[in-house]
Each structure stands twice: as structure tokens, then as C-alpha cells.
Amino acid sequence: FRQAPGKERAFVAAISRSGGSTYYGDSMEGR
């Protein structure tokens, strides 16, 4: 997760227990 100055904490990315599945926030996927 990340928190920019003056903003609330936001989701960035997550990964499952074994690493087989991932999920990204809209502005992060691809980067």
C-alpha cells in the first residue's frame, strides 16, 4: 500500500500465498 502526502492510504499490489496470483491497482498495473 502507499500513502501520498495529504492523502489516504491506497492499495498498490497484492500476491497470494504461493505467489501464483497477483493483483494491482489501476495506476500500477504494467509498471
Full PDB file with SEQRES, HELIX, SHEET, SSBOND, CRYST1, ORIGX, SCALE, CONECT and MASTER records, all heavy atoms in Angstrom:
SEQRES   1 A   31  PHE ARG GLN ALA PRO GLY LYS GLU ARG ALA PHE VAL ALA          
SEQRES   2 A   31  ALA ILE SER ARG SER GLY GLY SER THR TYR TYR GLY ASP          
SEQRES   3 A   31  SER MET GLU GLY ARG                                          
SHEET    1 AA1 2 ALA A  13  ILE A  15  0                                        
SHEET    2 AA1 2 THR A  22  TYR A  24 -1                                        
CRYST1    1.000    1.000    1.000  90.00  90.00  90.00 P 1           1          
ORIGX1      1.000000  0.000000  0.000000        0.00000                         
ORIGX2      0.000000  1.000000  0.000000        0.00000                         
ORIGX3      0.000000  0.000000  1.000000        0.00000                         
SCALE1      1.000000  0.000000  0.000000        0.00000                         
SCALE2      0.000000  1.000000  0.000000        0.00000                         
SCALE3      0.000000  0.000000  1.000000        0.00000                         
ATOM      1  N   PHE A   1       0.854  -1.177   0.000  1.00  0.00           N  
ATOM      2  CA  PHE A   1       0.000   0.000   0.000  1.00  0.00           C  
ATOM      3  C   PHE A   1       0.894   1.232   0.000  1.00  0.00           C  
ATOM      4  O   PHE A   1       2.083   1.147   0.301  1.00  0.00           O  
ATOM      5  CB  PHE A   1      -0.920   0.022   1.221  1.00  0.00           C  
ATOM      6  CG  PHE A   1      -1.931  -1.084   1.248  1.00  0.00           C  
ATOM      7  CD1 PHE A   1      -1.576  -2.371   1.606  1.00  0.00           C  
ATOM      8  CD2 PHE A   1      -3.258  -0.833   0.903  1.00  0.00           C  
ATOM      9  CE1 PHE A   1      -2.506  -3.396   1.631  1.00  0.00           C  
ATOM     10  CE2 PHE A   1      -4.205  -1.851   0.927  1.00  0.00           C  
ATOM     11  CZ  PHE A   1      -3.824  -3.127   1.285  1.00  0.00           C  
ATOM     12  N   ARG A   2       0.322   2.369  -0.327  1.00  0.00           N  
ATOM     13  CA  ARG A   2       1.098   3.603  -0.276  1.00  0.00           C  
ATOM     14  C   ARG A   2       0.232   4.744   0.223  1.00  0.00           C  
ATOM     15  O   ARG A   2      -0.987   4.735   0.080  1.00  0.00           O  
ATOM     16  CB  ARG A   2       1.698   3.937  -1.639  1.00  0.00           C  
ATOM     17  CG  ARG A   2       0.676   4.355  -2.703  1.00  0.00           C  
ATOM     18  CD  ARG A   2       1.368   4.534  -4.046  1.00  0.00           C  
ATOM     19  NE  ARG A   2       0.467   5.057  -5.061  1.00  0.00           N  
ATOM     20  CZ  ARG A   2       0.785   5.195  -6.343  1.00  0.00           C  
ATOM     21  NH1 ARG A   2       2.009   4.845  -6.767  1.00  0.00           N  
ATOM     22  NH2 ARG A   2      -0.104   5.681  -7.202  1.00  0.00           N  
ATOM     23  N   GLN A   3       0.894   5.724   0.796  1.00  0.00           N  
ATOM     24  CA  GLN A   3       0.210   6.904   1.291  1.00  0.00           C  
ATOM     25  C   GLN A   3       0.983   8.134   0.842  1.00  0.00           C  
ATOM     26  O   GLN A   3       2.113   8.361   1.287  1.00  0.00           O  
ATOM     27  CB  GLN A   3       0.081   6.877   2.805  1.00  0.00           C  
ATOM     28  CG  GLN A   3      -0.784   7.996   3.352  1.00  0.00           C  
ATOM     29  CD  GLN A   3      -1.146   7.785   4.808  1.00  0.00           C  
ATOM     30  OE1 GLN A   3      -0.467   7.047   5.525  1.00  0.00           O  
ATOM     31  NE2 GLN A   3      -2.209   8.415   5.250  1.00  0.00           N  
ATOM     32  N   ALA A   4       0.373   8.903  -0.030  1.00  0.00           N  
ATOM     33  CA  ALA A   4       0.969  10.134  -0.518  1.00  0.00           C  
ATOM     34  C   ALA A   4       0.677  11.266   0.457  1.00  0.00           C  
ATOM     35  O   ALA A   4      -0.276  11.191   1.243  1.00  0.00           O  
ATOM     36  CB  ALA A   4       0.419  10.469  -1.900  1.00  0.00           C  
ATOM     37  N   PRO A   5       1.473  12.329   0.409  1.00  0.00           N  
ATOM     38  CA  PRO A   5       1.239  13.456   1.318  1.00  0.00           C  
ATOM     39  C   PRO A   5      -0.176  14.002   1.200  1.00  0.00           C  
ATOM     40  O   PRO A   5      -0.661  14.277   0.101  1.00  0.00           O  
ATOM     41  CB  PRO A   5       2.264  14.496   0.855  1.00  0.00           C  
ATOM     42  CG  PRO A   5       3.363  13.685   0.249  1.00  0.00           C  
ATOM     43  CD  PRO A   5       2.665  12.542  -0.427  1.00  0.00           C  
ATOM     44  N   GLY A   6      -0.847  14.129   2.328  1.00  0.00           N  
ATOM     45  CA  GLY A   6      -2.186  14.677   2.355  1.00  0.00           C  
ATOM     46  C   GLY A   6      -3.281  13.752   1.861  1.00  0.00           C  
ATOM     47  O   GLY A   6      -4.429  14.187   1.734  1.00  0.00           O  
ATOM     48  N   LYS A   7      -2.960  12.500   1.582  1.00  0.00           N  
ATOM     49  CA  LYS A   7      -3.939  11.556   1.069  1.00  0.00           C  
ATOM     50  C   LYS A   7      -4.034  10.324   1.955  1.00  0.00           C  
ATOM     51  O   LYS A   7      -3.174  10.078   2.803  1.00  0.00           O  
ATOM     52  CB  LYS A   7      -3.587  11.144  -0.365  1.00  0.00           C  
ATOM     53  CG  LYS A   7      -3.623  12.286  -1.361  1.00  0.00           C  
ATOM     54  CD  LYS A   7      -3.380  11.797  -2.775  1.00  0.00           C  
ATOM     55  CE  LYS A   7      -3.468  12.932  -3.767  1.00  0.00           C  
ATOM     56  NZ  LYS A   7      -3.249  12.462  -5.161  1.00  0.00           N  
ATOM     57  N   GLU A   8      -5.086   9.558   1.736  1.00  0.00           N  
ATOM     58  CA  GLU A   8      -5.289   8.327   2.477  1.00  0.00           C  
ATOM     59  C   GLU A   8      -4.455   7.204   1.894  1.00  0.00           C  
ATOM     60  O   GLU A   8      -4.014   7.254   0.739  1.00  0.00           O  
ATOM     61  CB  GLU A   8      -6.765   7.945   2.475  1.00  0.00           C  
ATOM     62  CG  GLU A   8      -7.676   8.965   3.141  1.00  0.00           C  
ATOM     63  CD  GLU A   8      -7.355   9.150   4.601  1.00  0.00           C  
ATOM     64  OE1 GLU A   8      -7.142   8.139   5.302  1.00  0.00           O  
ATOM     65  OE2 GLU A   8      -7.315  10.310   5.053  1.00  0.00           O  
ATOM     66  N   ARG A   9      -4.248   6.181   2.688  1.00  0.00           N  
ATOM     67  CA  ARG A   9      -3.509   5.019   2.227  1.00  0.00           C  
ATOM     68  C   ARG A   9      -4.273   4.317   1.112  1.00  0.00           C  
ATOM     69  O   ARG A   9      -5.491   4.146   1.185  1.00  0.00           O  
ATOM     70  CB  ARG A   9      -3.264   4.070   3.394  1.00  0.00           C  
ATOM     71  CG  ARG A   9      -2.286   2.941   3.097  1.00  0.00           C  
ATOM     72  CD  ARG A   9      -1.947   2.179   4.368  1.00  0.00           C  
ATOM     73  NE  ARG A   9      -1.255   3.030   5.330  1.00  0.00           N  
ATOM     74  CZ  ARG A   9      -0.889   2.638   6.550  1.00  0.00           C  
ATOM     75  NH1 ARG A   9      -1.154   1.403   6.955  1.00  0.00           N  
ATOM     76  NH2 ARG A   9      -0.263   3.472   7.351  1.00  0.00           N  
ATOM     77  N   ALA A  10      -3.551   3.920   0.060  1.00  0.00           N  
ATOM     78  CA  ALA A  10      -4.164   3.322  -1.110  1.00  0.00           C  
ATOM     79  C   ALA A  10      -3.504   1.990  -1.458  1.00  0.00           C  
ATOM     80  O   ALA A  10      -2.308   1.797  -1.228  1.00  0.00           O  
ATOM     81  CB  ALA A  10      -4.066   4.272  -2.303  1.00  0.00           C  
ATOM     82  N   PHE A  11      -4.289   1.114  -2.039  1.00  0.00           N  
ATOM     83  CA  PHE A  11      -3.804  -0.194  -2.452  1.00  0.00           C  
ATOM     84  C   PHE A  11      -2.882  -0.079  -3.652  1.00  0.00           C  
ATOM     85  O   PHE A  11      -3.161   0.659  -4.596  1.00  0.00           O  
ATOM     86  CB  PHE A  11      -4.987  -1.099  -2.797  1.00  0.00           C  
ATOM     87  CG  PHE A  11      -4.586  -2.409  -3.413  1.00  0.00           C  
ATOM     88  CD1 PHE A  11      -4.054  -3.419  -2.633  1.00  0.00           C  
ATOM     89  CD2 PHE A  11      -4.737  -2.621  -4.771  1.00  0.00           C  
ATOM     90  CE1 PHE A  11      -3.683  -4.629  -3.196  1.00  0.00           C  
ATOM     91  CE2 PHE A  11      -4.368  -3.821  -5.345  1.00  0.00           C  
ATOM     92  CZ  PHE A  11      -3.835  -4.825  -4.552  1.00  0.00           C  
ATOM     93  N   VAL A  12      -1.799  -0.845  -3.632  1.00  0.00           N  
ATOM     94  CA  VAL A  12      -0.841  -0.876  -4.725  1.00  0.00           C  
ATOM     95  C   VAL A  12      -0.830  -2.236  -5.413  1.00  0.00           C  
ATOM     96  O   VAL A  12      -1.015  -2.333  -6.629  1.00  0.00           O  
ATOM     97  CB  VAL A  12       0.578  -0.529  -4.238  1.00  0.00           C  
ATOM     98  CG1 VAL A  12       1.593  -0.702  -5.367  1.00  0.00           C  
ATOM     99  CG2 VAL A  12       0.616   0.894  -3.692  1.00  0.00           C  
ATOM    100  N   ALA A  13      -0.592  -3.295  -4.660  1.00  0.00           N  
ATOM    101  CA  ALA A  13      -0.469  -4.623  -5.241  1.00  0.00           C  
ATOM    102  C   ALA A  13      -0.593  -5.667  -4.151  1.00  0.00           C  
ATOM    103  O   ALA A  13      -0.338  -5.391  -2.979  1.00  0.00           O  
ATOM    104  CB  ALA A  13       0.864  -4.783  -5.975  1.00  0.00           C  
ATOM    105  N   ALA A  14      -0.962  -6.886  -4.543  1.00  0.00           N  
ATOM    106  CA  ALA A  14      -1.021  -7.994  -3.603  1.00  0.00           C  
ATOM    107  C   ALA A  14      -0.662  -9.283  -4.313  1.00  0.00           C  
ATOM    108  O   ALA A  14      -0.803  -9.396  -5.537  1.00  0.00           O  
ATOM    109  CB  ALA A  14      -2.404  -8.108  -2.962  1.00  0.00           C  
ATOM    110  N   ILE A  15      -0.212 -10.262  -3.542  1.00  0.00           N  
ATOM    111  CA  ILE A  15       0.211 -11.538  -4.083  1.00  0.00           C  
ATOM    112  C   ILE A  15      -0.250 -12.653  -3.157  1.00  0.00           C  
ATOM    113  O   ILE A  15      -0.241 -12.511  -1.933  1.00  0.00           O  
ATOM    114  CB  ILE A  15       1.750 -11.555  -4.283  1.00  0.00           C  
ATOM    115  CG1 ILE A  15       2.210 -12.811  -5.019  1.00  0.00           C  
ATOM    116  CG2 ILE A  15       2.472 -11.403  -2.938  1.00  0.00           C  
ATOM    117  CD1 ILE A  15       3.655 -12.705  -5.507  1.00  0.00           C  
ATOM    118  N   SER A  16      -0.670 -13.766  -3.738  1.00  0.00           N  
ATOM    119  CA  SER A  16      -1.194 -14.879  -2.965  1.00  0.00           C  
ATOM    120  C   SER A  16      -0.090 -15.609  -2.212  1.00  0.00           C  
ATOM    121  O   SER A  16       1.100 -15.344  -2.398  1.00  0.00           O  
ATOM    122  CB  SER A  16      -1.945 -15.848  -3.877  1.00  0.00           C  
ATOM    123  OG  SER A  16      -1.088 -16.378  -4.875  1.00  0.00           O  
ATOM    124  N   ARG A  17      -0.493 -16.556  -1.379  1.00  0.00           N  
ATOM    125  CA  ARG A  17       0.439 -17.259  -0.501  1.00  0.00           C  
ATOM    126  C   ARG A  17       1.650 -17.836  -1.214  1.00  0.00           C  
ATOM    127  O   ARG A  17       2.793 -17.680  -0.761  1.00  0.00           O  
ATOM    128  CB  ARG A  17      -0.285 -18.381   0.244  1.00  0.00           C  
ATOM    129  CG  ARG A  17      -1.061 -17.922   1.451  1.00  0.00           C  
ATOM    130  CD  ARG A  17      -1.848 -19.046   2.106  1.00  0.00           C  
ATOM    131  NE  ARG A  17      -1.147 -20.319   2.144  1.00  0.00           N  
ATOM    132  CZ  ARG A  17      -1.435 -21.319   2.954  1.00  0.00           C  
ATOM    133  NH1 ARG A  17      -2.425 -21.194   3.840  1.00  0.00           N  
ATOM    134  NH2 ARG A  17      -0.764 -22.458   2.889  1.00  0.00           N  
ATOM    135  N   SER A  18       1.393 -18.531  -2.305  1.00  0.00           N  
ATOM    136  CA  SER A  18       2.469 -19.194  -3.029  1.00  0.00           C  
ATOM    137  C   SER A  18       3.030 -18.354  -4.165  1.00  0.00           C  
ATOM    138  O   SER A  18       3.967 -18.782  -4.846  1.00  0.00           O  
ATOM    139  CB  SER A  18       1.976 -20.526  -3.587  1.00  0.00           C  
ATOM    140  OG  SER A  18       0.955 -20.329  -4.543  1.00  0.00           O  
ATOM    141  N   GLY A  19       2.462 -17.186  -4.384  1.00  0.00           N  
ATOM    142  CA  GLY A  19       2.922 -16.320  -5.451  1.00  0.00           C  
ATOM    143  C   GLY A  19       2.267 -16.554  -6.792  1.00  0.00           C  
ATOM    144  O   GLY A  19       2.648 -15.918  -7.780  1.00  0.00           O  
ATOM    145  N   GLY A  20       1.275 -17.436  -6.843  1.00  0.00           N  
ATOM    146  CA  GLY A  20       0.669 -17.785  -8.108  1.00  0.00           C  
ATOM    147  C   GLY A  20      -0.315 -16.771  -8.659  1.00  0.00           C  
ATOM    148  O   GLY A  20      -0.610 -16.786  -9.860  1.00  0.00           O  
ATOM    149  N   SER A  21      -0.835 -15.906  -7.810  1.00  0.00           N  
ATOM    150  CA  SER A  21      -1.804 -14.905  -8.237  1.00  0.00           C  
ATOM    151  C   SER A  21      -1.377 -13.537  -7.746  1.00  0.00           C  
ATOM    152  O   SER A  21      -0.869 -13.403  -6.633  1.00  0.00           O  
ATOM    153  CB  SER A  21      -3.200 -15.221  -7.698  1.00  0.00           C  
ATOM    154  OG  SER A  21      -3.678 -16.449  -8.206  1.00  0.00           O  
ATOM    155  N   THR A  22      -1.592 -12.542  -8.574  1.00  0.00           N  
ATOM    156  CA  THR A  22      -1.284 -11.162  -8.214  1.00  0.00           C  
ATOM    157  C   THR A  22      -2.424 -10.255  -8.631  1.00  0.00           C  
ATOM    158  O   THR A  22      -3.232 -10.592  -9.503  1.00  0.00           O  
ATOM    159  CB  THR A  22       0.015 -10.677  -8.865  1.00  0.00           C  
ATOM    160  OG1 THR A  22      -0.104 -10.773 -10.297  1.00  0.00           O  
ATOM    161  CG2 THR A  22       1.202 -11.514  -8.406  1.00  0.00           C  
ATOM    162  N   TYR A  23      -2.470  -9.087  -8.013  1.00  0.00           N  
ATOM    163  CA  TYR A  23      -3.471  -8.092  -8.347  1.00  0.00           C  
ATOM    164  C   TYR A  23      -2.862  -6.722  -8.118  1.00  0.00           C  
ATOM    165  O   TYR A  23      -2.122  -6.515  -7.153  1.00  0.00           O  
ATOM    166  CB  TYR A  23      -4.732  -8.267  -7.500  1.00  0.00           C  
ATOM    167  CG  TYR A  23      -5.890  -7.421  -7.963  1.00  0.00           C  
ATOM    168  CD1 TYR A  23      -6.681  -7.833  -9.022  1.00  0.00           C  
ATOM    169  CD2 TYR A  23      -6.186  -6.210  -7.348  1.00  0.00           C  
ATOM    170  CE1 TYR A  23      -7.741  -7.066  -9.458  1.00  0.00           C  
ATOM    171  CE2 TYR A  23      -7.238  -5.436  -7.775  1.00  0.00           C  
ATOM    172  CZ  TYR A  23      -8.017  -5.865  -8.834  1.00  0.00           C  
ATOM    173  OH  TYR A  23      -9.068  -5.101  -9.264  1.00  0.00           O  
ATOM    174  N   TYR A  24      -3.199  -5.783  -9.010  1.00  0.00           N  
ATOM    175  CA  TYR A  24      -2.611  -4.451  -8.963  1.00  0.00           C  
ATOM    176  C   TYR A  24      -3.671  -3.371  -8.997  1.00  0.00           C  
ATOM    177  O   TYR A  24      -4.740  -3.548  -9.592  1.00  0.00           O  
ATOM    178  CB  TYR A  24      -1.662  -4.241 -10.148  1.00  0.00           C  
ATOM    179  CG  TYR A  24      -0.504  -5.198 -10.179  1.00  0.00           C  
ATOM    180  CD1 TYR A  24      -0.594  -6.407 -10.864  1.00  0.00           C  
ATOM    181  CD2 TYR A  24       0.675  -4.905  -9.513  1.00  0.00           C  
ATOM    182  CE1 TYR A  24       0.467  -7.293 -10.886  1.00  0.00           C  
ATOM    183  CE2 TYR A  24       1.742  -5.783  -9.527  1.00  0.00           C  
ATOM    184  CZ  TYR A  24       1.632  -6.976 -10.216  1.00  0.00           C  
ATOM    185  OH  TYR A  24       2.683  -7.853 -10.236  1.00  0.00           O  
ATOM    186  N   GLY A  25      -3.350  -2.251  -8.380  1.00  0.00           N  
ATOM    187  CA  GLY A  25      -4.180  -1.082  -8.550  1.00  0.00           C  
ATOM    188  C   GLY A  25      -4.121  -0.594  -9.989  1.00  0.00           C  
ATOM    189  O   GLY A  25      -3.157  -0.854 -10.715  1.00  0.00           O  
ATOM    190  N   ASP A  26      -5.153   0.141 -10.398  1.00  0.00           N  
ATOM    191  CA  ASP A  26      -5.274   0.537 -11.802  1.00  0.00           C  
ATOM    192  C   ASP A  26      -4.081   1.336 -12.317  1.00  0.00           C  
ATOM    193  O   ASP A  26      -3.680   1.178 -13.463  1.00  0.00           O  
ATOM    194  CB  ASP A  26      -6.552   1.350 -12.003  1.00  0.00           C  
ATOM    195  CG  ASP A  26      -7.803   0.511 -11.879  1.00  0.00           C  
ATOM    196  OD1 ASP A  26      -7.708  -0.728 -11.995  1.00  0.00           O  
ATOM    197  OD2 ASP A  26      -8.888   1.093 -11.685  1.00  0.00           O  
ATOM    198  N   SER A  27      -3.532   2.189 -11.500  1.00  0.00           N  
ATOM    199  CA  SER A  27      -2.434   3.031 -11.945  1.00  0.00           C  
ATOM    200  C   SER A  27      -1.078   2.337 -11.886  1.00  0.00           C  
ATOM    201  O   SER A  27      -0.084   2.896 -12.354  1.00  0.00           O  
ATOM    202  CB  SER A  27      -2.387   4.313 -11.106  1.00  0.00           C  
ATOM    203  OG  SER A  27      -2.089   4.034  -9.755  1.00  0.00           O  
ATOM    204  N   MET A  28      -1.029   1.150 -11.345  1.00  0.00           N  
ATOM    205  CA  MET A  28       0.221   0.428 -11.167  1.00  0.00           C  
ATOM    206  C   MET A  28       0.437  -0.687 -12.176  1.00  0.00           C  
ATOM    207  O   MET A  28       1.582  -0.981 -12.540  1.00  0.00           O  
ATOM    208  CB  MET A  28       0.311  -0.178  -9.762  1.00  0.00           C  
ATOM    209  CG  MET A  28       0.389   0.839  -8.645  1.00  0.00           C  
ATOM    210  SD  MET A  28      -1.267   1.484  -8.248  1.00  0.00           S  
ATOM    211  CE  MET A  28      -0.892   2.528  -6.845  1.00  0.00           C  
ATOM    212  N   GLU A  29      -0.625  -1.328 -12.603  1.00  0.00           N  
ATOM    213  CA  GLU A  29      -0.507  -2.469 -13.497  1.00  0.00           C  
ATOM    214  C   GLU A  29       0.214  -2.069 -14.778  1.00  0.00           C  
ATOM    215  O   GLU A  29      -0.096  -1.066 -15.405  1.00  0.00           O  
ATOM    216  CB  GLU A  29      -1.878  -3.047 -13.816  1.00  0.00           C  
ATOM    217  CG  GLU A  29      -1.806  -4.386 -14.537  1.00  0.00           C  
ATOM    218  CD  GLU A  29      -3.118  -5.133 -14.513  1.00  0.00           C  
ATOM    219  OE1 GLU A  29      -4.131  -4.552 -14.074  1.00  0.00           O  
ATOM    220  OE2 GLU A  29      -3.141  -6.301 -14.932  1.00  0.00           O  
ATOM    221  N   GLY A  30       1.189  -2.880 -15.155  1.00  0.00           N  
ATOM    222  CA  GLY A  30       2.005  -2.599 -16.313  1.00  0.00           C  
ATOM    223  C   GLY A  30       3.300  -1.903 -15.969  1.00  0.00           C  
ATOM    224  O   GLY A  30       4.233  -1.900 -16.777  1.00  0.00           O  
ATOM    225  N   ARG A  31       3.365  -1.300 -14.799  1.00  0.00           N  
ATOM    226  CA  ARG A  31       4.572  -0.616 -14.344  1.00  0.00           C  
ATOM    227  C   ARG A  31       5.189  -1.287 -13.125  1.00  0.00           C  
ATOM    228  O   ARG A  31       6.408  -1.299 -12.979  1.00  0.00           O  
ATOM    229  CB  ARG A  31       4.280   0.848 -14.012  1.00  0.00           C  
ATOM    230  CG  ARG A  31       3.754   1.654 -15.184  1.00  0.00           C  
ATOM    231  CD  ARG A  31       3.674   3.137 -14.826  1.00  0.00           C  
ATOM    232  NE  ARG A  31       2.777   3.381 -13.706  1.00  0.00           N  
ATOM    233  CZ  ARG A  31       3.128   4.013 -12.580  1.00  0.00           C  
ATOM    234  NH1 ARG A  31       4.368   4.473 -12.439  1.00  0.00           N  
ATOM    235  NH2 ARG A  31       2.243   4.209 -11.615  1.00  0.00           N  
TER     236      ARG A  31                                                      
MASTER        0    0    0    0    2    0    0    6  235    1    0    3          
END                                                                             
